[in-house]
């Protein structure tokens, strides 16, 4: 099947499956399993990476602040300035 005849969303799904297989080279599943688990997991990982970059951007701009929790996770919240807390 030629990629020229496939819609762009199908090509994008093919890339997501390929990325999943690159990260999990021994993976094997049914159509239902690939749809429910592989693609959802790949989309979550892609979104997580984008969200992390967005959070770094907001932190650099002083919009949010972070605290590191005991387990090492970071907690993000609106940056509170001294002026706001004095009001």
PDB file of N, CA and C in Angstrom:
ATOM      1  N   UNK A   1       0.854  -1.182   0.000  1.00  0.00           N
ATOM      2  CA  UNK A   1       0.000   0.000   0.000  1.00  0.00           C
ATOM      3  C   UNK A   1       0.892   1.236   0.000  1.00  0.00           C
ATOM      4  N   UNK A   2       0.617   2.135  -0.878  1.00  0.00           N
ATOM      5  CA  UNK A   2       1.398   3.365  -1.006  1.00  0.00           C
ATOM      6  C   UNK A   2       0.985   4.371   0.055  1.00  0.00           C
ATOM      7  N   UNK A   3       1.962   5.051   0.640  1.00  0.00           N
ATOM      8  CA  UNK A   3       1.649   6.081   1.629  1.00  0.00           C
ATOM      9  C   UNK A   3       0.944   7.270   0.988  1.00  0.00           C
ATOM     10  N   UNK A   4       1.085   7.439  -0.335  1.00  0.00           N
ATOM     11  CA  UNK A   4       0.410   8.542  -1.022  1.00  0.00           C
ATOM     12  C   UNK A   4      -1.102   8.392  -0.985  1.00  0.00           C
ATOM     13  N   UNK A   5      -1.597   7.153  -0.847  1.00  0.00           N
ATOM     14  CA  UNK A   5      -3.034   6.931  -0.850  1.00  0.00           C
ATOM     15  C   UNK A   5      -3.644   6.931   0.547  1.00  0.00           C
ATOM     16  N   UNK A   6      -2.813   7.072   1.567  1.00  0.00           N
ATOM     17  CA  UNK A   6      -3.314   7.044   2.943  1.00  0.00           C
ATOM     18  C   UNK A   6      -3.528   8.451   3.484  1.00  0.00           C
ATOM     19  N   UNK A   7      -4.612   8.646   4.253  1.00  0.00           N
ATOM     20  CA  UNK A   7      -4.819   9.952   4.901  1.00  0.00           C
ATOM     21  C   UNK A   7      -3.728  10.228   5.930  1.00  0.00           C
ATOM     22  N   UNK A   8      -3.486  11.487   6.196  1.00  0.00           N
ATOM     23  CA  UNK A   8      -2.407  11.879   7.118  1.00  0.00           C
ATOM     24  C   UNK A   8      -2.620  11.334   8.525  1.00  0.00           C
ATOM     25  N   UNK A   9      -3.879  11.202   8.967  1.00  0.00           N
ATOM     26  CA  UNK A   9      -4.105  10.675  10.316  1.00  0.00           C
ATOM     27  C   UNK A   9      -3.726   9.201  10.415  1.00  0.00           C
ATOM     28  N   UNK A  10      -3.874   8.452   9.331  1.00  0.00           N
ATOM     29  CA  UNK A  10      -3.471   7.049   9.323  1.00  0.00           C
ATOM     30  C   UNK A  10      -1.941   6.958   9.355  1.00  0.00           C
ATOM     31  N   UNK A  11      -1.285   7.825   8.597  1.00  0.00           N
ATOM     32  CA  UNK A  11       0.179   7.868   8.610  1.00  0.00           C
ATOM     33  C   UNK A  11       0.676   8.215  10.012  1.00  0.00           C
ATOM     34  N   UNK A  12       0.008   9.157  10.683  1.00  0.00           N
ATOM     35  CA  UNK A  12       0.396   9.540  12.050  1.00  0.00           C
ATOM     36  C   UNK A  12       0.244   8.357  13.003  1.00  0.00           C
ATOM     37  N   UNK A  13      -0.842   7.588  12.880  1.00  0.00           N
ATOM     38  CA  UNK A  13      -1.012   6.398  13.719  1.00  0.00           C
ATOM     39  C   UNK A  13       0.092   5.383  13.447  1.00  0.00           C
ATOM     40  N   UNK A  14       0.461   5.216  12.188  1.00  0.00           N
ATOM     41  CA  UNK A  14       1.549   4.301  11.836  1.00  0.00           C
ATOM     42  C   UNK A  14       2.847   4.729  12.516  1.00  0.00           C
ATOM     43  N   UNK A  15       3.103   6.035  12.546  1.00  0.00           N
ATOM     44  CA  UNK A  15       4.307   6.545  13.220  1.00  0.00           C
ATOM     45  C   UNK A  15       4.242   6.283  14.721  1.00  0.00           C
ATOM     46  N   UNK A  16       3.068   6.428  15.317  1.00  0.00           N
ATOM     47  CA  UNK A  16       2.928   6.165  16.748  1.00  0.00           C
ATOM     48  C   UNK A  16       3.177   4.695  17.060  1.00  0.00           C
ATOM     49  N   UNK A  17       2.662   3.816  16.217  1.00  0.00           N
ATOM     50  CA  UNK A  17       2.896   2.381  16.409  1.00  0.00           C
ATOM     51  C   UNK A  17       4.380   2.068  16.247  1.00  0.00           C
ATOM     52  N   UNK A  18       4.991   2.655  15.246  1.00  0.00           N
ATOM     53  CA  UNK A  18       6.426   2.454  15.015  1.00  0.00           C
ATOM     54  C   UNK A  18       7.243   2.940  16.210  1.00  0.00           C
ATOM     55  N   UNK A  19       6.887   4.100  16.771  1.00  0.00           N
ATOM     56  CA  UNK A  19       7.579   4.620  17.956  1.00  0.00           C
ATOM     57  C   UNK A  19       7.415   3.684  19.142  1.00  0.00           C
ATOM     58  N   UNK A  20       6.210   3.143  19.305  1.00  0.00           N
ATOM     59  CA  UNK A  20       5.968   2.210  20.400  1.00  0.00           C
ATOM     60  C   UNK A  20       6.850   0.975  20.242  1.00  0.00           C
ATOM     61  N   UNK A  21       6.907   0.463  19.019  1.00  0.00           N
ATOM     62  CA  UNK A  21       7.719  -0.730  18.767  1.00  0.00           C
ATOM     63  C   UNK A  21       9.207  -0.457  18.947  1.00  0.00           C
ATOM     64  N   UNK A  22       9.637   0.746  18.652  1.00  0.00           N
ATOM     65  CA  UNK A  22      11.036   1.107  18.889  1.00  0.00           C
ATOM     66  C   UNK A  22      11.354   1.074  20.381  1.00  0.00           C
ATOM     67  N   UNK A  23      10.408   1.545  21.196  1.00  0.00           N
ATOM     68  CA  UNK A  23      10.601   1.566  22.649  1.00  0.00           C
ATOM     69  C   UNK A  23      10.370   0.192  23.281  1.00  0.00           C
ATOM     70  N   UNK A  24       9.572  -0.652  22.624  1.00  0.00           N
ATOM     71  CA  UNK A  24       9.212  -1.979  23.157  1.00  0.00           C
ATOM     72  C   UNK A  24       9.374  -3.014  22.044  1.00  0.00           C
ATOM     73  N   UNK A  25      10.610  -3.360  21.701  1.00  0.00           N
ATOM     74  CA  UNK A  25      10.860  -4.184  20.517  1.00  0.00           C
ATOM     75  C   UNK A  25      10.295  -5.603  20.555  1.00  0.00           C
ATOM     76  N   UNK A  26       9.943  -6.124  21.708  1.00  0.00           N
ATOM     77  CA  UNK A  26       9.374  -7.473  21.762  1.00  0.00           C
ATOM     78  C   UNK A  26       7.854  -7.451  21.941  1.00  0.00           C
ATOM     79  N   UNK A  27       7.245  -6.286  21.817  1.00  0.00           N
ATOM     80  CA  UNK A  27       5.800  -6.152  22.003  1.00  0.00           C
ATOM     81  C   UNK A  27       5.043  -6.891  20.902  1.00  0.00           C
ATOM     82  N   UNK A  28       3.901  -7.442  21.272  1.00  0.00           N
ATOM     83  CA  UNK A  28       2.990  -8.085  20.329  1.00  0.00           C
ATOM     84  C   UNK A  28       1.594  -7.979  20.920  1.00  0.00           C
ATOM     85  N   UNK A  29       0.599  -7.673  20.085  1.00  0.00           N
ATOM     86  CA  UNK A  29      -0.758  -7.522  20.614  1.00  0.00           C
ATOM     87  C   UNK A  29      -1.765  -7.632  19.491  1.00  0.00           C
ATOM     88  N   UNK A  30      -3.020  -7.685  19.868  1.00  0.00           N
ATOM     89  CA  UNK A  30      -4.133  -7.709  18.920  1.00  0.00           C
ATOM     90  C   UNK A  30      -4.470  -6.284  18.500  1.00  0.00           C
ATOM     91  N   UNK A  31      -5.344  -6.162  17.524  1.00  0.00           N
ATOM     92  CA  UNK A  31      -5.812  -4.847  17.101  1.00  0.00           C
ATOM     93  C   UNK A  31      -6.415  -4.086  18.284  1.00  0.00           C
ATOM     94  N   UNK A  32      -7.227  -4.769  19.069  1.00  0.00           N
ATOM     95  CA  UNK A  32      -7.842  -4.133  20.241  1.00  0.00           C
ATOM     96  C   UNK A  32      -6.781  -3.719  21.255  1.00  0.00           C
ATOM     97  N   UNK A  33      -5.826  -4.585  21.513  1.00  0.00           N
ATOM     98  CA  UNK A  33      -4.765  -4.269  22.466  1.00  0.00           C
ATOM     99  C   UNK A  33      -3.907  -3.099  22.002  1.00  0.00           C
ATOM    100  N   UNK A  34      -3.578  -3.086  20.718  1.00  0.00           N
ATOM    101  CA  UNK A  34      -2.780  -1.980  20.179  1.00  0.00           C
ATOM    102  C   UNK A  34      -3.547  -0.673  20.316  1.00  0.00           C
ATOM    103  N   UNK A  35      -4.832  -0.714  20.009  1.00  0.00           N
ATOM    104  CA  UNK A  35      -5.653   0.496  20.109  1.00  0.00           C
ATOM    105  C   UNK A  35      -5.787   0.961  21.551  1.00  0.00           C
ATOM    106  N   UNK A  36      -6.084   0.053  22.452  1.00  0.00           N
ATOM    107  CA  UNK A  36      -6.332   0.418  23.860  1.00  0.00           C
ATOM    108  C   UNK A  36      -5.070   0.728  24.645  1.00  0.00           C
ATOM    109  N   UNK A  37      -3.976   0.026  24.357  1.00  0.00           N
ATOM    110  CA  UNK A  37      -2.799   0.137  25.205  1.00  0.00           C
ATOM    111  C   UNK A  37      -1.636   0.833  24.530  1.00  0.00           C
ATOM    112  N   UNK A  38      -1.226   0.378  23.384  1.00  0.00           N
ATOM    113  CA  UNK A  38      -0.043   0.949  22.743  1.00  0.00           C
ATOM    114  C   UNK A  38      -0.258   2.400  22.380  1.00  0.00           C
ATOM    115  N   UNK A  39      -1.343   2.669  21.660  1.00  0.00           N
ATOM    116  CA  UNK A  39      -1.548   4.032  21.162  1.00  0.00           C
ATOM    117  C   UNK A  39      -1.840   4.997  22.298  1.00  0.00           C
ATOM    118  N   UNK A  40      -2.623   4.568  23.263  1.00  0.00           N
ATOM    119  CA  UNK A  40      -2.908   5.432  24.413  1.00  0.00           C
ATOM    120  C   UNK A  40      -1.619   5.721  25.170  1.00  0.00           C
ATOM    121  N   UNK A  41      -0.821   4.691  25.407  1.00  0.00           N
ATOM    122  CA  UNK A  41       0.441   4.873  26.129  1.00  0.00           C
ATOM    123  C   UNK A  41       1.369   5.810  25.361  1.00  0.00           C
ATOM    124  N   UNK A  42       1.476   5.626  24.048  1.00  0.00           N
ATOM    125  CA  UNK A  42       2.342   6.473  23.233  1.00  0.00           C
ATOM    126  C   UNK A  42       1.866   7.918  23.270  1.00  0.00           C
ATOM    127  N   UNK A  43       0.546   8.127  23.198  1.00  0.00           N
ATOM    128  CA  UNK A  43       0.001   9.482  23.245  1.00  0.00           C
ATOM    129  C   UNK A  43       0.246  10.127  24.598  1.00  0.00           C
ATOM    130  N   UNK A  44       0.124   9.355  25.666  1.00  0.00           N
ATOM    131  CA  UNK A  44       0.400   9.877  27.009  1.00  0.00           C
ATOM    132  C   UNK A  44       1.864  10.294  27.113  1.00  0.00           C
ATOM    133  N   UNK A  45       2.779   9.467  26.629  1.00  0.00           N
ATOM    134  CA  UNK A  45       4.202   9.798  26.686  1.00  0.00           C
ATOM    135  C   UNK A  45       4.514  11.045  25.860  1.00  0.00           C
ATOM    136  N   UNK A  46       3.915  11.134  24.665  1.00  0.00           N
ATOM    137  CA  UNK A  46       4.130  12.313  23.820  1.00  0.00           C
ATOM    138  C   UNK A  46       3.593  13.561  24.511  1.00  0.00           C
ATOM    139  N   UNK A  47       2.396  13.454  25.089  1.00  0.00           N
ATOM    140  CA  UNK A  47       1.786  14.590  25.779  1.00  0.00           C
ATOM    141  C   UNK A  47       2.588  14.954  27.021  1.00  0.00           C
ATOM    142  N   UNK A  48       3.058  13.968  27.759  1.00  0.00           N
ATOM    143  CA  UNK A  48       3.844  14.218  28.969  1.00  0.00           C
ATOM    144  C   UNK A  48       5.091  15.030  28.641  1.00  0.00           C
ATOM    145  N   UNK A  49       5.760  14.686  27.565  1.00  0.00           N
ATOM    146  CA  UNK A  49       6.952  15.410  27.151  1.00  0.00           C
ATOM    147  C   UNK A  49       6.632  16.862  26.814  1.00  0.00           C
ATOM    148  N   UNK A  50       5.534  17.088  26.114  1.00  0.00           N
ATOM    149  CA  UNK A  50       5.124  18.450  25.753  1.00  0.00           C
ATOM    150  C   UNK A  50       4.727  19.251  26.990  1.00  0.00           C
ATOM    151  N   UNK A  51       4.007  18.614  27.901  1.00  0.00           N
ATOM    152  CA  UNK A  51       3.584  19.295  29.134  1.00  0.00           C
ATOM    153  C   UNK A  51       4.807  19.672  29.965  1.00  0.00           C
ATOM    154  N   UNK A  52       5.780  18.781  30.035  1.00  0.00           N
ATOM    155  CA  UNK A  52       6.996  19.076  30.793  1.00  0.00           C
ATOM    156  C   UNK A  52       7.715  20.292  30.207  1.00  0.00           C
ATOM    157  N   UNK A  53       7.796  20.378  28.891  1.00  0.00           N
ATOM    158  CA  UNK A  53       8.433  21.532  28.256  1.00  0.00           C
ATOM    159  C   UNK A  53       7.627  22.808  28.523  1.00  0.00           C
ATOM    160  N   UNK A  54       6.308  22.705  28.492  1.00  0.00           N
ATOM    161  CA  UNK A  54       5.454  23.871  28.768  1.00  0.00           C
ATOM    162  C   UNK A  54       5.629  24.337  30.210  1.00  0.00           C
ATOM    163  N   UNK A  55       5.731  23.394  31.142  1.00  0.00           N
ATOM    164  CA  UNK A  55       5.929  23.751  32.545  1.00  0.00           C
ATOM    165  C   UNK A  55       7.276  24.436  32.754  1.00  0.00           C
ATOM    166  N   UNK A  56       8.310  23.956  32.105  1.00  0.00           N
ATOM    167  CA  UNK A  56       9.625  24.604  32.191  1.00  0.00           C
ATOM    168  C   UNK A  56       9.558  26.031  31.666  1.00  0.00           C
ATOM    169  N   UNK A  57       8.862  26.205  30.570  1.00  0.00           N
ATOM    170  CA  UNK A  57       8.682  27.533  29.983  1.00  0.00           C
ATOM    171  C   UNK A  57       7.972  28.464  30.969  1.00  0.00           C
ATOM    172  N   UNK A  58       6.892  27.977  31.585  1.00  0.00           N
ATOM    173  CA  UNK A  58       6.145  28.801  32.544  1.00  0.00           C
ATOM    174  C   UNK A  58       6.969  29.094  33.790  1.00  0.00           C
ATOM    175  N   UNK A  59       7.763  28.132  34.222  1.00  0.00           N
ATOM    176  CA  UNK A  59       8.620  28.363  35.383  1.00  0.00           C
ATOM    177  C   UNK A  59       9.683  29.411  35.050  1.00  0.00           C
ATOM    178  N   UNK A  60      10.283  29.318  33.866  1.00  0.00           N
ATOM    179  CA  UNK A  60      11.291  30.302  33.446  1.00  0.00           C
ATOM    180  C   UNK A  60      10.702  31.708  33.395  1.00  0.00           C
ATOM    181  N   UNK A  61       9.421  31.816  33.074  1.00  0.00           N
ATOM    182  CA  UNK A  61       8.753  33.115  32.995  1.00  0.00           C
ATOM    183  C   UNK A  61       8.238  33.581  34.351  1.00  0.00           C
ATOM    184  N   UNK A  62       8.347  32.758  35.383  1.00  0.00           N
ATOM    185  CA  UNK A  62       7.900  33.138  36.716  1.00  0.00           C
ATOM    186  C   UNK A  62       6.403  32.979  36.931  1.00  0.00           C
ATOM    187  N   UNK A  63       5.733  32.256  36.054  1.00  0.00           N
ATOM    188  CA  UNK A  63       4.286  32.064  36.171  1.00  0.00           C
ATOM    189  C   UNK A  63       3.959  30.982  37.193  1.00  0.00           C
ATOM    190  N   UNK A  64       4.786  29.955  37.232  1.00  0.00           N
ATOM    191  CA  UNK A  64       4.571  28.871  38.190  1.00  0.00           C
ATOM    192  C   UNK A  64       5.837  28.659  39.012  1.00  0.00           C
ATOM    193  N   UNK A  65       5.646  27.962  40.126  1.00  0.00           N
ATOM    194  CA  UNK A  65       6.780  27.565  40.954  1.00  0.00           C
ATOM    195  C   UNK A  65       6.652  26.076  41.232  1.00  0.00           C
ATOM    196  N   UNK A  66       7.752  25.468  41.618  1.00  0.00           N
ATOM    197  CA  UNK A  66       7.740  24.040  41.880  1.00  0.00           C
ATOM    198  C   UNK A  66       8.300  23.740  43.259  1.00  0.00           C
ATOM    199  N   UNK A  67       7.846  22.634  43.788  1.00  0.00           N
ATOM    200  CA  UNK A  67       8.397  22.076  45.017  1.00  0.00           C
ATOM    201  C   UNK A  67       8.644  20.605  44.748  1.00  0.00           C
ATOM    202  N   UNK A  68       9.710  20.083  45.309  1.00  0.00           N
ATOM    203  CA  UNK A  68       9.995  18.665  45.160  1.00  0.00           C
ATOM    204  C   UNK A  68       9.424  17.925  46.355  1.00  0.00           C
ATOM    205  N   UNK A  69       8.596  16.928  46.080  1.00  0.00           N
ATOM    206  CA  UNK A  69       7.978  16.130  47.129  1.00  0.00           C
ATOM    207  C   UNK A  69       8.964  15.085  47.637  1.00  0.00           C
ATOM    208  N   UNK A  70       8.638  14.443  48.733  1.00  0.00           N
ATOM    209  CA  UNK A  70       9.498  13.443  49.343  1.00  0.00           C
ATOM    210  C   UNK A  70       9.845  12.280  48.424  1.00  0.00           C
ATOM    211  N   UNK A  71       8.940  11.955  47.503  1.00  0.00           N
ATOM    212  CA  UNK A  71       9.190  10.844  46.591  1.00  0.00           C
ATOM    213  C   UNK A  71       9.946  11.277  45.327  1.00  0.00           C
ATOM    214  N   UNK A  72      10.306  12.568  45.263  1.00  0.00           N
ATOM    215  CA  UNK A  72      11.049  13.069  44.112  1.00  0.00           C
ATOM    216  C   UNK A  72      10.188  13.707  43.034  1.00  0.00           C
ATOM    217  N   UNK A  73       8.875  13.505  43.090  1.00  0.00           N
ATOM    218  CA  UNK A  73       7.982  14.148  42.128  1.00  0.00           C
ATOM    219  C   UNK A  73       7.972  15.651  42.362  1.00  0.00           C
ATOM    220  N   UNK A  74       7.682  16.381  41.323  1.00  0.00           N
ATOM    221  CA  UNK A  74       7.576  17.831  41.450  1.00  0.00           C
ATOM    222  C   UNK A  74       6.106  18.237  41.519  1.00  0.00           C
ATOM    223  N   UNK A  75       5.833  19.207  42.359  1.00  0.00           N
ATOM    224  CA  UNK A  75       4.498  19.766  42.502  1.00  0.00           C
ATOM    225  C   UNK A  75       4.526  21.172  41.917  1.00  0.00           C
ATOM    226  N   UNK A  76       3.630  21.444  40.991  1.00  0.00           N
ATOM    227  CA  UNK A  76       3.590  22.729  40.292  1.00  0.00           C
ATOM    228  C   UNK A  76       2.400  23.535  40.783  1.00  0.00           C
ATOM    229  N   UNK A  77       2.611  24.831  40.966  1.00  0.00           N
ATOM    230  CA  UNK A  77       1.515  25.713  41.373  1.00  0.00           C
ATOM    231  C   UNK A  77       1.779  27.117  40.861  1.00  0.00           C
ATOM    232  N   UNK A  78       0.737  27.943  40.933  1.00  0.00           N
ATOM    233  CA  UNK A  78       0.877  29.333  40.509  1.00  0.00           C
ATOM    234  C   UNK A  78       1.914  30.005  41.391  1.00  0.00           C
ATOM    235  N   UNK A  79       2.771  30.780  40.765  1.00  0.00           N
ATOM    236  CA  UNK A  79       3.808  31.493  41.515  1.00  0.00           C
ATOM    237  C   UNK A  79       3.139  32.549  42.375  1.00  0.00           C
ATOM    238  N   UNK A  80       3.483  32.576  43.646  1.00  0.00           N
ATOM    239  CA  UNK A  80       2.934  33.578  44.550  1.00  0.00           C
ATOM    240  C   UNK A  80       4.022  34.599  44.834  1.00  0.00           C
ATOM    241  N   UNK A  81       3.741  35.816  44.440  1.00  0.00           N
ATOM    242  CA  UNK A  81       4.730  36.857  44.686  1.00  0.00           C
ATOM    243  C   UNK A  81       4.518  37.428  46.081  1.00  0.00           C
ATOM    244  N   UNK A  82       5.523  38.095  46.604  1.00  0.00           N
ATOM    245  CA  UNK A  82       5.433  38.713  47.925  1.00  0.00           C
ATOM    246  C   UNK A  82       4.333  39.752  47.940  1.00  0.00           C
ATOM    247  N   UNK A  83       4.186  40.498  46.855  1.00  0.00           N
ATOM    248  CA  UNK A  83       3.166  41.548  46.780  1.00  0.00           C
ATOM    249  C   UNK A  83       1.768  40.951  46.886  1.00  0.00           C
ATOM    250  N   UNK A  84       1.515  39.822  46.216  1.00  0.00           N
ATOM    251  CA  UNK A  84       0.198  39.200  46.268  1.00  0.00           C
ATOM    252  C   UNK A  84      -0.102  38.672  47.651  1.00  0.00           C
ATOM    253  N   UNK A  85       0.868  38.076  48.329  1.00  0.00           N
ATOM    254  CA  UNK A  85       0.605  37.499  49.629  1.00  0.00           C
ATOM    255  C   UNK A  85       0.445  38.562  50.720  1.00  0.00           C
ATOM    256  N   UNK A  86       0.884  39.792  50.457  1.00  0.00           N
ATOM    257  CA  UNK A  86       0.726  40.871  51.426  1.00  0.00           C
ATOM    258  C   UNK A  86      -0.626  41.551  51.325  1.00  0.00           C
ATOM    259  N   UNK A  87      -1.408  41.232  50.271  1.00  0.00           N
ATOM    260  CA  UNK A  87      -2.696  41.905  50.056  1.00  0.00           C
ATOM    261  C   UNK A  87      -3.747  41.374  50.961  1.00  0.00           C
TER     262      UNK A  87
END
